[in-house]
N, C-alpha and C. Protein backbone atom coordinates (compact mmCIF):
# COMPACT_ATOMS: atom_id res chain seq x y z
N MET A 1 117.06 130.85 146.34
CA MET A 1 116.24 131.52 145.38
C MET A 1 115.33 132.51 146.10
N ALA A 2 114.67 133.32 145.34
CA ALA A 2 113.89 134.40 145.94
C ALA A 2 112.74 133.87 146.76
N ASP A 3 111.94 132.95 146.22
CA ASP A 3 110.79 132.45 146.96
C ASP A 3 111.01 131.03 147.47
N GLY A 4 112.07 130.33 147.02
CA GLY A 4 112.41 129.01 147.51
C GLY A 4 111.56 127.90 146.91
N THR A 5 110.71 128.20 145.91
CA THR A 5 109.83 127.17 145.37
C THR A 5 110.29 126.62 144.05
N ASP A 6 111.15 127.32 143.32
CA ASP A 6 111.63 126.75 142.06
C ASP A 6 113.14 126.95 141.95
N ASP A 7 113.73 126.29 140.94
CA ASP A 7 115.18 126.31 140.78
C ASP A 7 115.63 127.38 139.79
N LEU A 8 114.73 128.24 139.32
CA LEU A 8 115.10 129.25 138.34
C LEU A 8 115.48 130.55 139.04
N LEU A 9 116.42 131.25 138.43
CA LEU A 9 116.83 132.54 138.97
C LEU A 9 115.89 133.61 138.44
N ASP A 10 115.53 134.55 139.31
CA ASP A 10 114.73 135.66 138.82
C ASP A 10 115.67 136.76 138.36
N PRO A 11 115.17 137.74 137.62
CA PRO A 11 116.04 138.77 137.04
C PRO A 11 116.89 139.52 138.07
N SER A 12 116.36 139.75 139.26
CA SER A 12 117.15 140.49 140.26
C SER A 12 118.36 139.67 140.71
N GLU A 13 118.20 138.34 140.82
CA GLU A 13 119.34 137.48 141.19
C GLU A 13 120.38 137.45 140.08
N ILE A 14 119.94 137.45 138.83
CA ILE A 14 120.89 137.46 137.71
C ILE A 14 121.68 138.76 137.72
N GLU A 15 120.99 139.89 137.95
CA GLU A 15 121.68 141.17 138.01
C GLU A 15 122.68 141.19 139.16
N ALA A 16 122.31 140.61 140.32
CA ALA A 16 123.23 140.56 141.45
C ALA A 16 124.46 139.74 141.10
N LEU A 17 124.26 138.63 140.38
CA LEU A 17 125.41 137.80 139.98
C LEU A 17 126.29 138.54 138.98
N LEU A 18 125.69 139.26 138.06
CA LEU A 18 126.48 140.03 137.11
C LEU A 18 127.27 141.12 137.82
N LYS A 19 126.65 141.78 138.80
CA LYS A 19 127.35 142.81 139.58
C LYS A 19 128.46 142.17 140.40
N SER A 20 128.20 140.96 140.92
CA SER A 20 129.23 140.30 141.72
C SER A 20 130.42 139.92 140.86
N ALA A 21 130.20 139.66 139.58
CA ALA A 21 131.33 139.36 138.69
C ALA A 21 132.21 140.59 138.56
N GLY A 22 131.60 141.75 138.49
CA GLY A 22 132.39 142.98 138.45
C GLY A 22 133.08 143.22 139.77
N ALA A 23 132.43 142.85 140.89
CA ALA A 23 133.03 143.02 142.20
C ALA A 23 134.17 142.04 142.41
N LEU A 24 134.11 140.86 141.75
CA LEU A 24 135.19 139.89 141.88
C LEU A 24 136.48 140.43 141.30
N ASN A 25 136.37 141.30 140.31
CA ASN A 25 137.57 141.86 139.70
C ASN A 25 138.39 142.65 140.71
N SER A 26 137.73 143.25 141.70
CA SER A 26 138.46 144.05 142.67
C SER A 26 138.52 143.39 144.04
N ALA A 27 137.73 142.31 144.27
CA ALA A 27 137.70 141.65 145.59
C ALA A 27 138.82 140.62 145.69
N PRO A 28 139.36 140.40 146.90
CA PRO A 28 140.37 139.36 147.08
C PRO A 28 139.75 137.98 146.87
N ALA A 29 140.59 137.00 146.53
CA ALA A 29 140.12 135.66 146.21
C ALA A 29 139.52 134.95 147.42
N SER A 30 139.88 135.31 148.64
CA SER A 30 139.40 134.59 149.82
C SER A 30 137.99 135.02 150.21
N GLN A 31 137.50 136.14 149.73
CA GLN A 31 136.17 136.61 150.11
C GLN A 31 135.12 136.00 149.18
N PRO A 32 133.98 135.54 149.74
CA PRO A 32 132.92 135.04 148.87
C PRO A 32 132.27 136.19 148.12
N PRO A 33 131.67 135.93 146.98
CA PRO A 33 131.03 137.00 146.22
C PRO A 33 129.81 137.51 146.95
N PRO A 34 129.38 138.72 146.65
CA PRO A 34 128.19 139.26 147.30
C PRO A 34 127.00 138.37 147.02
N GLY A 35 126.11 138.28 147.98
CA GLY A 35 124.95 137.41 147.85
C GLY A 35 125.13 136.13 148.62
N GLY A 36 126.31 135.85 149.13
CA GLY A 36 126.55 134.70 149.98
C GLY A 36 126.69 133.38 149.25
N HIS A 37 126.81 133.34 147.94
CA HIS A 37 126.94 132.07 147.22
C HIS A 37 128.36 131.56 147.33
N ARG A 38 128.45 130.25 147.60
CA ARG A 38 129.77 129.63 147.72
C ARG A 38 130.11 128.93 146.42
N GLY A 39 131.37 128.65 146.23
CA GLY A 39 131.81 127.83 145.12
C GLY A 39 132.09 128.60 143.84
N ALA A 40 132.06 129.90 143.85
CA ALA A 40 132.37 130.67 142.65
C ALA A 40 133.85 130.53 142.37
N ALA A 41 134.16 130.19 141.14
CA ALA A 41 135.56 129.95 140.78
C ALA A 41 136.29 131.27 140.63
N HIS A 42 137.53 131.30 141.13
CA HIS A 42 138.37 132.48 140.98
C HIS A 42 139.20 132.24 139.72
N ARG A 43 139.01 133.07 138.72
CA ARG A 43 139.66 132.91 137.43
C ARG A 43 140.94 133.74 137.38
N PRO A 44 141.89 133.32 136.55
CA PRO A 44 143.06 134.16 136.35
C PRO A 44 142.63 135.49 135.75
N GLY A 45 143.25 136.50 136.25
CA GLY A 45 142.90 137.83 135.76
C GLY A 45 141.75 138.44 136.54
N ALA A 46 141.30 137.80 137.64
CA ALA A 46 140.19 138.33 138.40
C ALA A 46 140.59 139.60 139.12
N GLY A 47 141.85 139.78 139.42
CA GLY A 47 142.31 141.00 140.07
C GLY A 47 142.42 142.15 139.09
N ASN A 48 142.36 141.86 137.82
CA ASN A 48 142.46 142.87 136.79
C ASN A 48 141.12 143.58 136.66
N THR A 49 141.12 144.90 136.86
CA THR A 49 139.87 145.66 136.77
C THR A 49 139.45 145.87 135.32
N HIS A 50 140.33 145.58 134.39
CA HIS A 50 140.01 145.72 132.97
C HIS A 50 139.97 144.34 132.33
N ALA A 51 139.12 143.45 132.85
CA ALA A 51 139.03 142.08 132.33
C ALA A 51 138.33 142.10 130.97
N SER A 52 138.70 141.13 130.13
CA SER A 52 138.09 141.03 128.80
C SER A 52 136.65 140.51 128.94
N PRO A 53 135.85 140.75 127.94
CA PRO A 53 134.47 140.25 128.01
C PRO A 53 134.41 138.73 128.17
N GLU A 54 135.35 138.01 127.56
CA GLU A 54 135.38 136.55 127.71
C GLU A 54 135.61 136.14 129.16
N GLU A 55 136.55 136.83 129.84
CA GLU A 55 136.82 136.52 131.24
C GLU A 55 135.61 136.84 132.10
N LEU A 56 134.96 137.98 131.83
CA LEU A 56 133.76 138.33 132.59
C LEU A 56 132.66 137.30 132.38
N LEU A 57 132.51 136.84 131.14
CA LEU A 57 131.50 135.83 130.84
C LEU A 57 131.81 134.52 131.58
N GLU A 58 133.07 134.13 131.62
CA GLU A 58 133.45 132.93 132.36
C GLU A 58 133.14 133.08 133.84
N GLN A 59 133.40 134.27 134.39
CA GLN A 59 133.11 134.50 135.80
C GLN A 59 131.62 134.44 136.07
N VAL A 60 130.82 135.02 135.18
CA VAL A 60 129.37 134.98 135.35
C VAL A 60 128.87 133.54 135.28
N GLU A 61 129.39 132.76 134.33
CA GLU A 61 129.00 131.35 134.22
C GLU A 61 129.36 130.58 135.48
N ALA A 62 130.54 130.86 136.03
CA ALA A 62 130.95 130.19 137.27
C ALA A 62 130.03 130.57 138.42
N ASN A 63 129.68 131.86 138.50
CA ASN A 63 128.77 132.30 139.56
C ASN A 63 127.38 131.68 139.40
N LEU A 64 126.89 131.59 138.17
CA LEU A 64 125.59 130.97 137.94
C LEU A 64 125.63 129.49 138.30
N ALA A 65 126.70 128.81 137.94
CA ALA A 65 126.82 127.38 138.28
C ALA A 65 126.85 127.20 139.79
N ALA A 66 127.54 128.09 140.49
CA ALA A 66 127.61 127.98 141.94
C ALA A 66 126.25 128.28 142.57
N ALA A 67 125.50 129.22 141.99
CA ALA A 67 124.20 129.58 142.55
C ALA A 67 123.18 128.48 142.33
N VAL A 68 123.25 127.84 141.18
CA VAL A 68 122.26 126.80 140.86
C VAL A 68 122.59 125.52 141.61
N GLY A 69 123.83 125.19 141.75
CA GLY A 69 124.22 123.98 142.46
C GLY A 69 125.18 123.15 141.65
N ASP A 70 125.73 122.15 142.28
CA ASP A 70 126.74 121.31 141.64
C ASP A 70 126.16 120.37 140.60
N ASP A 71 124.87 120.00 140.69
CA ASP A 71 124.30 119.02 139.78
C ASP A 71 123.58 119.65 138.59
N TYR A 72 123.79 120.93 138.34
CA TYR A 72 123.10 121.62 137.25
C TYR A 72 123.53 121.05 135.90
N GLY A 73 122.56 120.66 135.07
CA GLY A 73 122.83 120.19 133.72
C GLY A 73 123.38 118.79 133.64
N ARG A 74 123.34 118.04 134.69
CA ARG A 74 123.90 116.69 134.66
C ARG A 74 122.81 115.63 134.63
N GLY A 75 121.61 115.96 134.22
CA GLY A 75 120.56 114.96 134.07
C GLY A 75 119.69 114.89 135.31
N PRO A 76 118.78 113.91 135.33
CA PRO A 76 117.84 113.79 136.43
C PRO A 76 118.51 113.32 137.71
N ALA A 77 117.80 113.51 138.79
CA ALA A 77 118.31 113.07 140.08
C ALA A 77 118.49 111.56 140.10
N PRO A 78 119.46 111.04 140.88
CA PRO A 78 119.72 109.60 140.87
C PRO A 78 118.50 108.77 141.29
N HIS A 79 117.62 109.31 142.12
CA HIS A 79 116.48 108.53 142.59
C HIS A 79 115.38 108.41 141.54
N ALA A 80 115.49 109.17 140.43
CA ALA A 80 114.43 109.15 139.42
C ALA A 80 114.34 107.80 138.71
N PHE A 81 115.43 107.05 138.62
CA PHE A 81 115.43 105.77 137.93
C PHE A 81 115.77 104.62 138.87
N SER A 82 115.42 104.72 140.11
CA SER A 82 115.83 103.69 141.07
C SER A 82 115.23 102.33 140.76
N GLY A 83 114.03 102.25 140.18
CA GLY A 83 113.41 100.95 139.89
C GLY A 83 113.61 100.51 138.45
N ALA A 84 114.42 101.22 137.67
CA ALA A 84 114.60 100.89 136.26
C ALA A 84 115.48 99.68 136.10
N MET A 85 115.10 98.84 135.14
CA MET A 85 115.89 97.65 134.82
C MET A 85 116.09 97.62 133.31
N PRO A 86 117.21 97.07 132.83
CA PRO A 86 117.42 96.99 131.38
C PRO A 86 116.43 96.00 130.76
N PHE A 87 115.99 96.31 129.54
CA PHE A 87 115.05 95.46 128.82
C PHE A 87 115.84 94.39 128.08
N GLU A 88 115.43 93.15 128.22
CA GLU A 88 116.12 92.05 127.56
C GLU A 88 115.23 91.49 126.47
N LEU A 89 115.77 91.41 125.24
CA LEU A 89 115.03 90.86 124.11
C LEU A 89 115.22 89.36 124.07
N GLU A 90 114.16 88.65 123.69
CA GLU A 90 114.30 87.21 123.56
C GLU A 90 115.04 86.89 122.28
N SER A 91 115.65 85.74 122.22
CA SER A 91 116.44 85.34 121.08
C SER A 91 115.54 84.95 119.91
N PHE A 92 115.89 85.40 118.71
CA PHE A 92 115.14 85.06 117.50
C PHE A 92 115.99 84.16 116.60
N ALA A 93 116.61 83.18 117.17
CA ALA A 93 117.48 82.29 116.41
C ALA A 93 116.64 81.45 115.45
N VAL A 94 117.20 81.12 114.28
CA VAL A 94 116.52 80.29 113.30
C VAL A 94 116.54 78.85 113.78
N VAL A 95 115.37 78.23 113.78
CA VAL A 95 115.27 76.84 114.20
C VAL A 95 115.47 75.97 112.97
N PRO A 96 116.56 75.19 112.91
CA PRO A 96 116.80 74.38 111.72
C PRO A 96 115.84 73.20 111.65
N ASP A 97 115.56 72.76 110.40
CA ASP A 97 114.71 71.58 110.25
C ASP A 97 115.57 70.33 110.42
N SER A 98 115.02 69.17 110.10
CA SER A 98 115.72 67.91 110.35
C SER A 98 117.00 67.79 109.54
N GLU A 99 117.11 68.51 108.41
CA GLU A 99 118.31 68.44 107.58
C GLU A 99 119.36 69.46 108.00
N GLY A 100 119.06 70.30 108.98
CA GLY A 100 120.04 71.26 109.48
C GLY A 100 119.93 72.64 108.86
N GLY A 101 119.10 72.85 107.84
CA GLY A 101 118.95 74.16 107.22
C GLY A 101 117.62 74.78 107.60
N ALA A 102 117.40 76.00 107.16
CA ALA A 102 116.12 76.65 107.41
C ALA A 102 115.07 75.98 106.53
N GLY A 103 113.95 75.61 107.11
CA GLY A 103 112.93 74.86 106.39
C GLY A 103 112.16 75.72 105.41
N LEU A 104 111.91 75.19 104.22
CA LEU A 104 111.10 75.87 103.22
C LEU A 104 109.63 75.51 103.36
N LYS A 105 109.30 74.63 104.28
CA LYS A 105 107.91 74.22 104.49
C LYS A 105 107.04 75.42 104.83
N ALA A 106 107.58 76.40 105.52
CA ALA A 106 106.79 77.57 105.91
C ALA A 106 106.36 78.38 104.69
N LEU A 107 107.08 78.26 103.57
CA LEU A 107 106.76 79.04 102.38
C LEU A 107 105.83 78.31 101.41
N GLU A 108 105.52 77.05 101.67
CA GLU A 108 104.71 76.28 100.74
C GLU A 108 103.31 76.84 100.56
N GLU A 109 102.76 77.49 101.55
CA GLU A 109 101.39 77.99 101.48
C GLU A 109 101.31 79.47 101.11
N VAL A 110 102.42 80.09 100.74
CA VAL A 110 102.41 81.50 100.36
C VAL A 110 101.89 81.63 98.93
N GLU A 111 100.92 82.51 98.73
CA GLU A 111 100.34 82.71 97.41
C GLU A 111 101.10 83.79 96.65
N LEU A 112 101.33 83.53 95.35
CA LEU A 112 101.99 84.48 94.47
C LEU A 112 101.07 84.77 93.29
N ASP A 113 101.15 85.95 92.75
CA ASP A 113 100.43 86.32 91.54
C ASP A 113 101.37 86.05 90.38
N LEU A 114 101.15 84.98 89.64
CA LEU A 114 102.01 84.60 88.53
C LEU A 114 101.34 85.02 87.23
N ARG A 115 102.05 85.78 86.41
CA ARG A 115 101.50 86.27 85.14
C ARG A 115 102.46 85.93 84.01
N ILE A 116 101.89 85.63 82.87
CA ILE A 116 102.66 85.38 81.66
C ILE A 116 102.35 86.55 80.72
N GLU A 117 103.37 87.25 80.32
CA GLU A 117 103.19 88.43 79.47
C GLU A 117 103.65 88.10 78.06
N LEU A 118 102.68 88.08 77.14
CA LEU A 118 102.98 87.78 75.74
C LEU A 118 103.67 88.95 75.06
N GLY A 119 103.32 90.16 75.45
CA GLY A 119 103.88 91.36 74.85
C GLY A 119 103.14 92.58 75.36
N ARG A 120 103.55 93.74 74.88
CA ARG A 120 102.94 95.00 75.31
C ARG A 120 102.68 95.87 74.09
N THR A 121 101.75 96.80 74.29
CA THR A 121 101.48 97.79 73.27
C THR A 121 100.91 99.02 73.94
N GLU A 122 100.95 100.15 73.22
CA GLU A 122 100.34 101.38 73.71
C GLU A 122 99.22 101.76 72.76
N LEU A 123 98.06 102.06 73.33
CA LEU A 123 96.90 102.45 72.55
C LEU A 123 96.34 103.75 73.10
N LEU A 124 95.79 104.55 72.22
CA LEU A 124 95.06 105.73 72.65
C LEU A 124 93.68 105.30 73.14
N ILE A 125 93.05 106.11 73.94
CA ILE A 125 91.71 105.79 74.44
C ILE A 125 90.75 105.62 73.27
N GLU A 126 90.92 106.42 72.24
CA GLU A 126 90.08 106.30 71.05
C GLU A 126 90.19 104.91 70.44
N GLU A 127 91.42 104.38 70.37
CA GLU A 127 91.64 103.05 69.80
C GLU A 127 91.05 101.96 70.69
N VAL A 128 91.14 102.13 72.01
CA VAL A 128 90.57 101.15 72.93
C VAL A 128 89.05 101.12 72.78
N LEU A 129 88.43 102.29 72.61
CA LEU A 129 86.97 102.35 72.45
C LEU A 129 86.50 101.71 71.14
N ARG A 130 87.37 101.63 70.15
CA ARG A 130 87.01 101.02 68.87
C ARG A 130 87.21 99.51 68.86
N LEU A 131 87.79 98.94 69.94
CA LEU A 131 88.00 97.48 69.97
C LEU A 131 86.67 96.75 69.99
N ARG A 132 86.57 95.74 69.18
CA ARG A 132 85.37 94.91 69.10
C ARG A 132 85.81 93.45 69.09
N GLU A 133 84.86 92.57 69.18
CA GLU A 133 85.16 91.15 69.11
C GLU A 133 85.79 90.87 67.74
N GLY A 134 86.95 90.21 67.76
CA GLY A 134 87.65 89.89 66.53
C GLY A 134 88.70 90.92 66.16
N SER A 135 88.83 92.03 66.91
CA SER A 135 89.86 93.03 66.63
C SER A 135 91.23 92.43 66.89
N VAL A 136 92.22 92.88 66.15
CA VAL A 136 93.59 92.41 66.30
C VAL A 136 94.40 93.53 66.95
N VAL A 137 95.10 93.20 68.04
CA VAL A 137 95.95 94.15 68.74
C VAL A 137 97.40 93.73 68.53
N PRO A 138 98.20 94.52 67.84
CA PRO A 138 99.60 94.16 67.62
C PRO A 138 100.41 94.33 68.91
N LEU A 139 101.33 93.43 69.16
CA LEU A 139 102.20 93.47 70.34
C LEU A 139 103.62 93.77 69.92
N ASP A 140 104.48 94.06 70.89
CA ASP A 140 105.87 94.43 70.60
C ASP A 140 106.79 93.22 70.43
N LYS A 141 106.25 91.99 70.47
CA LYS A 141 107.08 90.80 70.30
C LYS A 141 106.65 90.04 69.05
N LEU A 142 107.59 89.35 68.49
CA LEU A 142 107.33 88.54 67.31
C LEU A 142 106.87 87.15 67.72
N ALA A 143 106.25 86.45 66.82
CA ALA A 143 105.86 85.06 67.08
C ALA A 143 107.12 84.24 67.29
N GLY A 144 107.11 83.42 68.32
CA GLY A 144 108.28 82.60 68.64
C GLY A 144 109.22 83.23 69.64
N ASP A 145 109.06 84.54 69.92
CA ASP A 145 109.89 85.19 70.94
C ASP A 145 109.51 84.65 72.32
N PRO A 146 110.47 84.61 73.25
CA PRO A 146 110.13 84.14 74.59
C PRO A 146 109.17 85.11 75.29
N VAL A 147 108.29 84.55 76.10
CA VAL A 147 107.35 85.36 76.88
C VAL A 147 107.95 85.58 78.26
N ASP A 148 107.52 86.66 78.92
CA ASP A 148 108.01 86.98 80.26
C ASP A 148 107.12 86.33 81.31
N ILE A 149 107.75 85.78 82.35
CA ILE A 149 107.02 85.18 83.48
C ILE A 149 107.29 86.06 84.68
N LEU A 150 106.22 86.63 85.25
CA LEU A 150 106.34 87.57 86.36
C LEU A 150 105.68 86.99 87.61
N ALA A 151 106.35 87.09 88.74
CA ALA A 151 105.78 86.71 90.03
C ALA A 151 105.65 87.97 90.86
N ASN A 152 104.42 88.28 91.23
CA ASN A 152 104.13 89.51 91.98
C ASN A 152 104.71 90.74 91.29
N GLY A 153 104.62 90.77 89.95
CA GLY A 153 105.06 91.92 89.18
C GLY A 153 106.55 91.97 88.91
N ARG A 154 107.31 90.99 89.37
CA ARG A 154 108.76 90.98 89.16
C ARG A 154 109.13 89.88 88.16
N LEU A 155 109.93 90.25 87.17
CA LEU A 155 110.34 89.31 86.14
C LEU A 155 111.25 88.24 86.76
N ILE A 156 110.83 86.97 86.67
CA ILE A 156 111.63 85.89 87.27
C ILE A 156 112.14 84.89 86.24
N ALA A 157 111.46 84.80 85.05
CA ALA A 157 111.86 83.81 84.07
C ALA A 157 111.32 84.20 82.70
N ARG A 158 111.80 83.45 81.68
CA ARG A 158 111.28 83.57 80.31
C ARG A 158 110.95 82.17 79.82
N GLY A 159 109.97 82.09 78.95
CA GLY A 159 109.57 80.77 78.45
C GLY A 159 108.98 80.83 77.06
N GLU A 160 108.55 79.63 76.57
CA GLU A 160 107.98 79.49 75.23
C GLU A 160 106.52 79.08 75.37
N VAL A 161 105.68 79.66 74.51
CA VAL A 161 104.26 79.31 74.53
C VAL A 161 104.07 78.02 73.73
N LEU A 162 103.32 77.09 74.32
CA LEU A 162 103.01 75.80 73.68
C LEU A 162 101.51 75.58 73.73
N VAL A 163 101.03 74.69 72.89
CA VAL A 163 99.63 74.26 72.95
C VAL A 163 99.66 72.78 73.30
N LEU A 164 99.00 72.42 74.41
CA LEU A 164 98.96 71.04 74.88
C LEU A 164 97.50 70.69 75.17
N ASN A 165 96.95 69.71 74.45
CA ASN A 165 95.55 69.30 74.63
C ASN A 165 94.61 70.50 74.48
N ASP A 166 94.80 71.30 73.47
CA ASP A 166 94.00 72.48 73.17
C ASP A 166 94.09 73.57 74.24
N ASN A 167 95.08 73.52 75.11
CA ASN A 167 95.30 74.56 76.13
C ASN A 167 96.65 75.20 75.87
N PHE A 168 96.71 76.51 76.15
CA PHE A 168 98.01 77.18 76.09
C PHE A 168 98.82 76.80 77.32
N CYS A 169 100.11 76.62 77.13
CA CYS A 169 101.04 76.33 78.22
C CYS A 169 102.30 77.15 77.99
N VAL A 170 103.13 77.24 79.02
CA VAL A 170 104.42 77.91 78.90
C VAL A 170 105.49 76.97 79.42
N ARG A 171 106.48 76.72 78.57
CA ARG A 171 107.63 75.93 79.01
C ARG A 171 108.72 76.91 79.44
N VAL A 172 109.21 76.76 80.68
CA VAL A 172 110.23 77.67 81.21
C VAL A 172 111.54 77.37 80.51
N ALA A 173 112.10 78.38 79.86
CA ALA A 173 113.34 78.22 79.12
C ALA A 173 114.53 78.82 79.86
N GLU A 174 114.27 79.84 80.69
CA GLU A 174 115.37 80.56 81.36
C GLU A 174 114.88 81.12 82.70
N ILE A 175 115.61 80.79 83.77
CA ILE A 175 115.33 81.38 85.08
C ILE A 175 116.30 82.56 85.24
N LEU A 176 115.77 83.70 85.58
CA LEU A 176 116.59 84.91 85.68
C LEU A 176 117.09 85.09 87.11
N ALA A 177 118.30 85.60 87.24
CA ALA A 177 118.87 85.89 88.57
C ALA A 177 118.10 87.07 89.17
N PRO A 178 117.87 87.03 90.49
CA PRO A 178 117.16 88.16 91.11
C PRO A 178 117.98 89.44 91.01
N THR A 179 117.28 90.55 90.77
CA THR A 179 117.95 91.84 90.68
C THR A 179 117.58 92.66 91.89
N LEU A 180 118.53 93.43 92.39
CA LEU A 180 118.28 94.32 93.53
C LEU A 180 117.80 95.65 92.98
N GLU A 181 116.65 96.08 93.45
CA GLU A 181 116.10 97.37 92.99
C GLU A 181 116.04 98.33 94.11
């Protein structure tokens, strides 16, 4: 290289390589190209003074590869990763419980938001502002229709509303299959 401090070619070296490609068209194959670079490939048609632009481009690429060196574009130097070792992940195998299956004990303390939905309605803000104690809000379900049971906002079952000891209760009538959303 011109100053010997970096691996990049300066414009004058590129021009010399381009001129040497033109000189290769008339130079014998045994002579090195001008500039003293070794390893420039001799292409078919190099003796032809009227080479196509593709052939000239191939010759220039060969000269550039020879000028830069044999390891150009092949990644970092081999010594760059001399201390590297492959990373090994630890095994995350499922530990079976005493019955041989995955234990559900870990899920016993998980909290869920369970809601019973009697029905739905849409009201305008004006109608909501007029609500008072004793107001009646009509719902989209009839008396006796099953109510929806939602866990964390997802419908999981349907049931019937009952009164037991002056408290409302829900008897589960149907468990729904999980749906993929």
